[in-house]
Amino acid sequence: MVKSYLKMTFSAPGAVTSGDIYANLQPWVGTSVDVESVAIDTNLYSVTATIIFDSPHTRTRATRSSSA
């Protein structure tokens, strides 16, 4: 369950913007995205992305991928 936000930190070869990240959730819940990209080298960025949920979200059994 996500109560209010999901935060990720990762490295990327280019800057990442909020338009680069899209949350496709089932059941649907409104989200917004906040992203901070900091250049740490010529072709390397440290990215912190936060997906902010309008309301708590629990993934239902039907949305889990099968391991068949």
PDB file of N, CA and C in Angstrom:
ATOM      1  N   MET A   1       0.841  -1.177   0.000  1.00  0.00           N
ATOM      2  CA  MET A   1       0.000   0.000   0.000  1.00  0.00           C
ATOM      3  C   MET A   1       0.883   1.236   0.000  1.00  0.00           C
ATOM      4  N   VAL A   2       0.494   2.208  -0.780  1.00  0.00           N
ATOM      5  CA  VAL A   2       1.155   3.513  -0.779  1.00  0.00           C
ATOM      6  C   VAL A   2       0.182   4.488  -0.134  1.00  0.00           C
ATOM      7  N   LYS A   3       0.607   5.112   0.956  1.00  0.00           N
ATOM      8  CA  LYS A   3      -0.289   6.030   1.659  1.00  0.00           C
ATOM      9  C   LYS A   3      -0.318   7.423   1.046  1.00  0.00           C
ATOM     10  N   SER A   4       0.864   7.965   0.665  1.00  0.00           N
ATOM     11  CA  SER A   4       0.855   9.313   0.116  1.00  0.00           C
ATOM     12  C   SER A   4       1.854   9.536  -1.014  1.00  0.00           C
ATOM     13  N   TYR A   5       3.008   8.847  -1.002  1.00  0.00           N
ATOM     14  CA  TYR A   5       3.968   9.042  -2.085  1.00  0.00           C
ATOM     15  C   TYR A   5       4.898   7.846  -2.213  1.00  0.00           C
ATOM     16  N   LEU A   6       5.519   7.763  -3.379  1.00  0.00           N
ATOM     17  CA  LEU A   6       6.530   6.749  -3.662  1.00  0.00           C
ATOM     18  C   LEU A   6       7.751   7.503  -4.182  1.00  0.00           C
ATOM     19  N   LYS A   7       8.880   7.364  -3.500  1.00  0.00           N
ATOM     20  CA  LYS A   7      10.093   8.093  -3.872  1.00  0.00           C
ATOM     21  C   LYS A   7      11.144   7.121  -4.377  1.00  0.00           C
ATOM     22  N   MET A   8      11.785   7.487  -5.491  1.00  0.00           N
ATOM     23  CA  MET A   8      12.836   6.667  -6.098  1.00  0.00           C
ATOM     24  C   MET A   8      14.056   7.541  -6.350  1.00  0.00           C
ATOM     25  N   THR A   9      15.233   6.983  -6.152  1.00  0.00           N
ATOM     26  CA  THR A   9      16.477   7.660  -6.471  1.00  0.00           C
ATOM     27  C   THR A   9      17.282   6.731  -7.366  1.00  0.00           C
ATOM     28  N   PHE A  10      17.766   7.262  -8.487  1.00  0.00           N
ATOM     29  CA  PHE A  10      18.517   6.438  -9.434  1.00  0.00           C
ATOM     30  C   PHE A  10      19.437   7.316 -10.267  1.00  0.00           C
ATOM     31  N   SER A  11      20.345   6.686 -10.987  1.00  0.00           N
ATOM     32  CA  SER A  11      21.241   7.383 -11.905  1.00  0.00           C
ATOM     33  C   SER A  11      20.723   7.204 -13.318  1.00  0.00           C
ATOM     34  N   ALA A  12      20.917   8.224 -14.152  1.00  0.00           N
ATOM     35  CA  ALA A  12      20.464   8.170 -15.543  1.00  0.00           C
ATOM     36  C   ALA A  12      21.490   8.867 -16.432  1.00  0.00           C
ATOM     37  N   PRO A  13      21.582   8.471 -17.706  1.00  0.00           N
ATOM     38  CA  PRO A  13      22.548   9.080 -18.611  1.00  0.00           C
ATOM     39  C   PRO A  13      22.135  10.465 -19.103  1.00  0.00           C
ATOM     40  N   GLY A  14      20.922  10.888 -18.775  1.00  0.00           N
ATOM     41  CA  GLY A  14      20.432  12.203 -19.155  1.00  0.00           C
ATOM     42  C   GLY A  14      19.475  12.723 -18.104  1.00  0.00           C
ATOM     43  N   ALA A  15      19.168  14.004 -18.185  1.00  0.00           N
ATOM     44  CA  ALA A  15      18.232  14.601 -17.237  1.00  0.00           C
ATOM     45  C   ALA A  15      16.849  13.990 -17.410  1.00  0.00           C
ATOM     46  N   VAL A  16      16.130  13.837 -16.321  1.00  0.00           N
ATOM     47  CA  VAL A  16      14.766  13.305 -16.318  1.00  0.00           C
ATOM     48  C   VAL A  16      13.848  14.420 -15.846  1.00  0.00           C
ATOM     49  N   THR A  17      12.671  14.551 -16.473  1.00  0.00           N
ATOM     50  CA  THR A  17      11.694  15.563 -16.071  1.00  0.00           C
ATOM     51  C   THR A  17      10.423  14.872 -15.586  1.00  0.00           C
ATOM     52  N   SER A  18       9.534  15.634 -15.003  1.00  0.00           N
ATOM     53  CA  SER A  18       8.277  15.059 -14.509  1.00  0.00           C
ATOM     54  C   SER A  18       7.447  14.482 -15.649  1.00  0.00           C
ATOM     55  N   GLY A  19       7.600  14.989 -16.860  1.00  0.00           N
ATOM     56  CA  GLY A  19       6.876  14.458 -18.013  1.00  0.00           C
ATOM     57  C   GLY A  19       7.396  13.118 -18.494  1.00  0.00           C
ATOM     58  N   ASP A  20       8.566  12.725 -18.028  1.00  0.00           N
ATOM     59  CA  ASP A  20       9.154  11.439 -18.414  1.00  0.00           C
ATOM     60  C   ASP A  20       8.626  10.275 -17.592  1.00  0.00           C
ATOM     61  N   ILE A  21       7.933  10.560 -16.504  1.00  0.00           N
ATOM     62  CA  ILE A  21       7.456   9.520 -15.593  1.00  0.00           C
ATOM     63  C   ILE A  21       5.936   9.553 -15.549  1.00  0.00           C
ATOM     64  N   TYR A  22       5.338   8.377 -15.779  1.00  0.00           N
ATOM     65  CA  TYR A  22       3.885   8.266 -15.780  1.00  0.00           C
ATOM     66  C   TYR A  22       3.474   7.046 -14.966  1.00  0.00           C
ATOM     67  N   ALA A  23       2.573   7.235 -14.028  1.00  0.00           N
ATOM     68  CA  ALA A  23       2.083   6.126 -13.205  1.00  0.00           C
ATOM     69  C   ALA A  23       0.763   5.641 -13.790  1.00  0.00           C
ATOM     70  N   ASN A  24       0.733   4.376 -14.209  1.00  0.00           N
ATOM     71  CA  ASN A  24      -0.471   3.743 -14.732  1.00  0.00           C
ATOM     72  C   ASN A  24      -0.953   2.753 -13.687  1.00  0.00           C
ATOM     73  N   LEU A  25      -1.924   3.141 -12.901  1.00  0.00           N
ATOM     74  CA  LEU A  25      -2.340   2.367 -11.734  1.00  0.00           C
ATOM     75  C   LEU A  25      -3.702   1.728 -11.929  1.00  0.00           C
ATOM     76  N   GLN A  26      -3.861   0.530 -11.384  1.00  0.00           N
ATOM     77  CA  GLN A  26      -5.136  -0.177 -11.356  1.00  0.00           C
ATOM     78  C   GLN A  26      -5.376  -0.625  -9.926  1.00  0.00           C
ATOM     79  N   PRO A  27      -6.422  -0.245  -9.246  1.00  0.00           N
ATOM     80  CA  PRO A  27      -7.392   0.716  -9.707  1.00  0.00           C
ATOM     81  C   PRO A  27      -6.777   2.115  -9.803  1.00  0.00           C
ATOM     82  N   TRP A  28      -7.369   2.926 -10.668  1.00  0.00           N
ATOM     83  CA  TRP A  28      -6.834   4.251 -10.942  1.00  0.00           C
ATOM     84  C   TRP A  28      -6.892   5.134  -9.708  1.00  0.00           C
ATOM     85  N   VAL A  29      -5.859   5.933  -9.533  1.00  0.00           N
ATOM     86  CA  VAL A  29      -5.846   6.984  -8.513  1.00  0.00           C
ATOM     87  C   VAL A  29      -5.033   8.132  -9.091  1.00  0.00           C
ATOM     88  N   GLY A  30      -5.453   9.352  -8.820  1.00  0.00           N
ATOM     89  CA  GLY A  30      -4.749  10.516  -9.340  1.00  0.00           C
ATOM     90  C   GLY A  30      -3.351  10.649  -8.736  1.00  0.00           C
ATOM     91  N   THR A  31      -2.409  11.078  -9.563  1.00  0.00           N
ATOM     92  CA  THR A  31      -1.040  11.266  -9.108  1.00  0.00           C
ATOM     93  C   THR A  31      -0.449  12.514  -9.726  1.00  0.00           C
ATOM     94  N   SER A  32       0.608  13.006  -9.107  1.00  0.00           N
ATOM     95  CA  SER A  32       1.450  14.039  -9.698  1.00  0.00           C
ATOM     96  C   SER A  32       2.888  13.600  -9.474  1.00  0.00           C
ATOM     97  N   VAL A  33       3.809  14.174 -10.241  1.00  0.00           N
ATOM     98  CA  VAL A  33       5.200  13.743 -10.175  1.00  0.00           C
ATOM     99  C   VAL A  33       6.102  14.939  -9.942  1.00  0.00           C
ATOM    100  N   ASP A  34       7.044  14.786  -9.019  1.00  0.00           N
ATOM    101  CA  ASP A  34       8.059  15.799  -8.746  1.00  0.00           C
ATOM    102  C   ASP A  34       9.414  15.151  -9.013  1.00  0.00           C
ATOM    103  N   VAL A  35      10.240  15.787  -9.854  1.00  0.00           N
ATOM    104  CA  VAL A  35      11.531  15.210 -10.221  1.00  0.00           C
ATOM    105  C   VAL A  35      12.636  16.237 -10.033  1.00  0.00           C
ATOM    106  N   GLU A  36      13.757  15.767  -9.491  1.00  0.00           N
ATOM    107  CA  GLU A  36      14.965  16.589  -9.377  1.00  0.00           C
ATOM    108  C   GLU A  36      16.098  15.824 -10.060  1.00  0.00           C
ATOM    109  N   SER A  37      16.679  16.422 -11.112  1.00  0.00           N
ATOM    110  CA  SER A  37      17.821  15.830 -11.819  1.00  0.00           C
ATOM    111  C   SER A  37      19.038  16.716 -11.583  1.00  0.00           C
ATOM    112  N   VAL A  38      20.096  16.128 -11.058  1.00  0.00           N
ATOM    113  CA  VAL A  38      21.322  16.872 -10.766  1.00  0.00           C
ATOM    114  C   VAL A  38      22.472  16.247 -11.551  1.00  0.00           C
ATOM    115  N   ALA A  39      23.131  17.053 -12.383  1.00  0.00           N
ATOM    116  CA  ALA A  39      24.272  16.551 -13.152  1.00  0.00           C
ATOM    117  C   ALA A  39      25.424  16.264 -12.192  1.00  0.00           C
ATOM    118  N   ILE A  40      25.931  15.022 -12.260  1.00  0.00           N
ATOM    119  CA  ILE A  40      27.076  14.669 -11.419  1.00  0.00           C
ATOM    120  C   ILE A  40      28.312  14.380 -12.267  1.00  0.00           C
ATOM    121  N   ASP A  41      28.116  14.353 -13.582  1.00  0.00           N
ATOM    122  CA  ASP A  41      29.208  14.179 -14.531  1.00  0.00           C
ATOM    123  C   ASP A  41      28.655  14.603 -15.889  1.00  0.00           C
ATOM    124  N   THR A  42      29.489  14.573 -16.907  1.00  0.00           N
ATOM    125  CA  THR A  42      29.061  15.001 -18.239  1.00  0.00           C
ATOM    126  C   THR A  42      27.833  14.252 -18.729  1.00  0.00           C
ATOM    127  N   ASN A  43      27.806  12.955 -18.572  1.00  0.00           N
ATOM    128  CA  ASN A  43      26.691  12.128 -19.052  1.00  0.00           C
ATOM    129  C   ASN A  43      26.052  11.306 -17.944  1.00  0.00           C
ATOM    130  N   LEU A  44      26.003  11.853 -16.735  1.00  0.00           N
ATOM    131  CA  LEU A  44      25.418  11.116 -15.615  1.00  0.00           C
ATOM    132  C   LEU A  44      24.666  12.066 -14.691  1.00  0.00           C
ATOM    133  N   TYR A  45      23.425  11.716 -14.424  1.00  0.00           N
ATOM    134  CA  TYR A  45      22.566  12.524 -13.553  1.00  0.00           C
ATOM    135  C   TYR A  45      22.094  11.699 -12.374  1.00  0.00           C
ATOM    136  N   SER A  46      22.030  12.327 -11.227  1.00  0.00           N
ATOM    137  CA  SER A  46      21.397  11.733 -10.064  1.00  0.00           C
ATOM    138  C   SER A  46      19.952  12.228 -10.071  1.00  0.00           C
ATOM    139  N   VAL A  47      19.017  11.298 -10.076  1.00  0.00           N
ATOM    140  CA  VAL A  47      17.603  11.647 -10.212  1.00  0.00           C
ATOM    141  C   VAL A  47      16.848  11.199  -8.967  1.00  0.00           C
ATOM    142  N   THR A  48      16.052  12.106  -8.425  1.00  0.00           N
ATOM    143  CA  THR A  48      15.122  11.767  -7.353  1.00  0.00           C
ATOM    144  C   THR A  48      13.729  12.062  -7.879  1.00  0.00           C
ATOM    145  N   ALA A  49      12.902  11.023  -7.955  1.00  0.00           N
ATOM    146  CA  ALA A  49      11.541  11.158  -8.473  1.00  0.00           C
ATOM    147  C   ALA A  49      10.555  10.782  -7.377  1.00  0.00           C
ATOM    148  N   THR A  50       9.559  11.617  -7.195  1.00  0.00           N
ATOM    149  CA  THR A  50       8.520  11.358  -6.207  1.00  0.00           C
ATOM    150  C   THR A  50       7.167  11.353  -6.908  1.00  0.00           C
ATOM    151  N   ILE A  51       6.458  10.227  -6.797  1.00  0.00           N
ATOM    152  CA  ILE A  51       5.094  10.138  -7.307  1.00  0.00           C
ATOM    153  C   ILE A  51       4.178  10.382  -6.113  1.00  0.00           C
ATOM    154  N   ILE A  52       3.386  11.440  -6.200  1.00  0.00           N
ATOM    155  CA  ILE A  52       2.509  11.843  -5.101  1.00  0.00           C
ATOM    156  C   ILE A  52       1.093  11.368  -5.415  1.00  0.00           C
ATOM    157  N   PHE A  53       0.510  10.613  -4.497  1.00  0.00           N
ATOM    158  CA  PHE A  53      -0.815  10.023  -4.692  1.00  0.00           C
ATOM    159  C   PHE A  53      -1.884  10.921  -4.094  1.00  0.00           C
ATOM    160  N   ASP A  54      -2.992  11.123  -4.840  1.00  0.00           N
ATOM    161  CA  ASP A  54      -4.110  11.926  -4.340  1.00  0.00           C
ATOM    162  C   ASP A  54      -4.808  11.250  -3.163  1.00  0.00           C
ATOM    163  N   SER A  55      -4.769   9.914  -3.137  1.00  0.00           N
ATOM    164  CA  SER A  55      -5.356   9.141  -2.044  1.00  0.00           C
ATOM    165  C   SER A  55      -4.567   7.849  -1.911  1.00  0.00           C
ATOM    166  N   PRO A  56      -4.667   7.149  -0.788  1.00  0.00           N
ATOM    167  CA  PRO A  56      -3.927   5.900  -0.623  1.00  0.00           C
ATOM    168  C   PRO A  56      -4.256   4.906  -1.736  1.00  0.00           C
ATOM    169  N   HIS A  57      -3.263   4.100  -2.098  1.00  0.00           N
ATOM    170  CA  HIS A  57      -3.449   3.136  -3.187  1.00  0.00           C
ATOM    171  C   HIS A  57      -2.953   1.762  -2.758  1.00  0.00           C
ATOM    172  N   THR A  58      -3.804   0.758  -2.977  1.00  0.00           N
ATOM    173  CA  THR A  58      -3.434  -0.633  -2.741  1.00  0.00           C
ATOM    174  C   THR A  58      -3.593  -1.378  -4.046  1.00  0.00           C
ATOM    175  N   ARG A  59      -2.551  -2.041  -4.451  1.00  0.00           N
ATOM    176  CA  ARG A  59      -2.609  -2.827  -5.681  1.00  0.00           C
ATOM    177  C   ARG A  59      -3.498  -4.035  -5.427  1.00  0.00           C
ATOM    178  N   THR A  60      -4.438  -4.269  -6.334  1.00  0.00           N
ATOM    179  CA  THR A  60      -5.352  -5.407  -6.164  1.00  0.00           C
ATOM    180  C   THR A  60      -4.732  -6.671  -6.742  1.00  0.00           C
ATOM    181  N   ARG A  61      -5.256  -7.800  -6.371  1.00  0.00           N
ATOM    182  CA  ARG A  61      -4.746  -9.091  -6.825  1.00  0.00           C
ATOM    183  C   ARG A  61      -4.739  -9.179  -8.341  1.00  0.00           C
ATOM    184  N   ALA A  62      -5.736  -8.637  -9.003  1.00  0.00           N
ATOM    185  CA  ALA A  62      -5.840  -8.725 -10.454  1.00  0.00           C
ATOM    186  C   ALA A  62      -4.727  -7.956 -11.157  1.00  0.00           C
ATOM    187  N   THR A  63      -4.089  -7.000 -10.505  1.00  0.00           N
ATOM    188  CA  THR A  63      -3.053  -6.203 -11.155  1.00  0.00           C
ATOM    189  C   THR A  63      -1.665  -6.798 -10.987  1.00  0.00           C
ATOM    190  N   ARG A  64      -1.521  -7.824 -10.174  1.00  0.00           N
ATOM    191  CA  ARG A  64      -0.219  -8.458 -10.000  1.00  0.00           C
ATOM    192  C   ARG A  64       0.072  -9.339 -11.208  1.00  0.00           C
ATOM    193  N   SER A  65       1.292  -9.268 -11.712  1.00  0.00           N
ATOM    194  CA  SER A  65       1.643 -10.096 -12.862  1.00  0.00           C
ATOM    195  C   SER A  65       1.879 -11.527 -12.412  1.00  0.00           C
ATOM    196  N   SER A  66       1.482 -12.455 -13.265  1.00  0.00           N
ATOM    197  CA  SER A  66       1.659 -13.865 -12.914  1.00  0.00           C
ATOM    198  C   SER A  66       3.079 -14.295 -13.218  1.00  0.00           C
ATOM    199  N   SER A  67       3.546 -15.311 -12.513  1.00  0.00           N
ATOM    200  CA  SER A  67       4.894 -15.819 -12.722  1.00  0.00           C
ATOM    201  C   SER A  67       4.875 -17.149 -13.468  1.00  0.00           C
ATOM    202  N   ALA A  68       3.844 -17.331 -14.295  1.00  0.00           N
ATOM    203  CA  ALA A  68       3.696 -18.599 -15.046  1.00  0.00           C
ATOM    204  C   ALA A  68       4.720 -18.730 -16.144  1.00  0.00           C
TER     205      ALA A  68
END
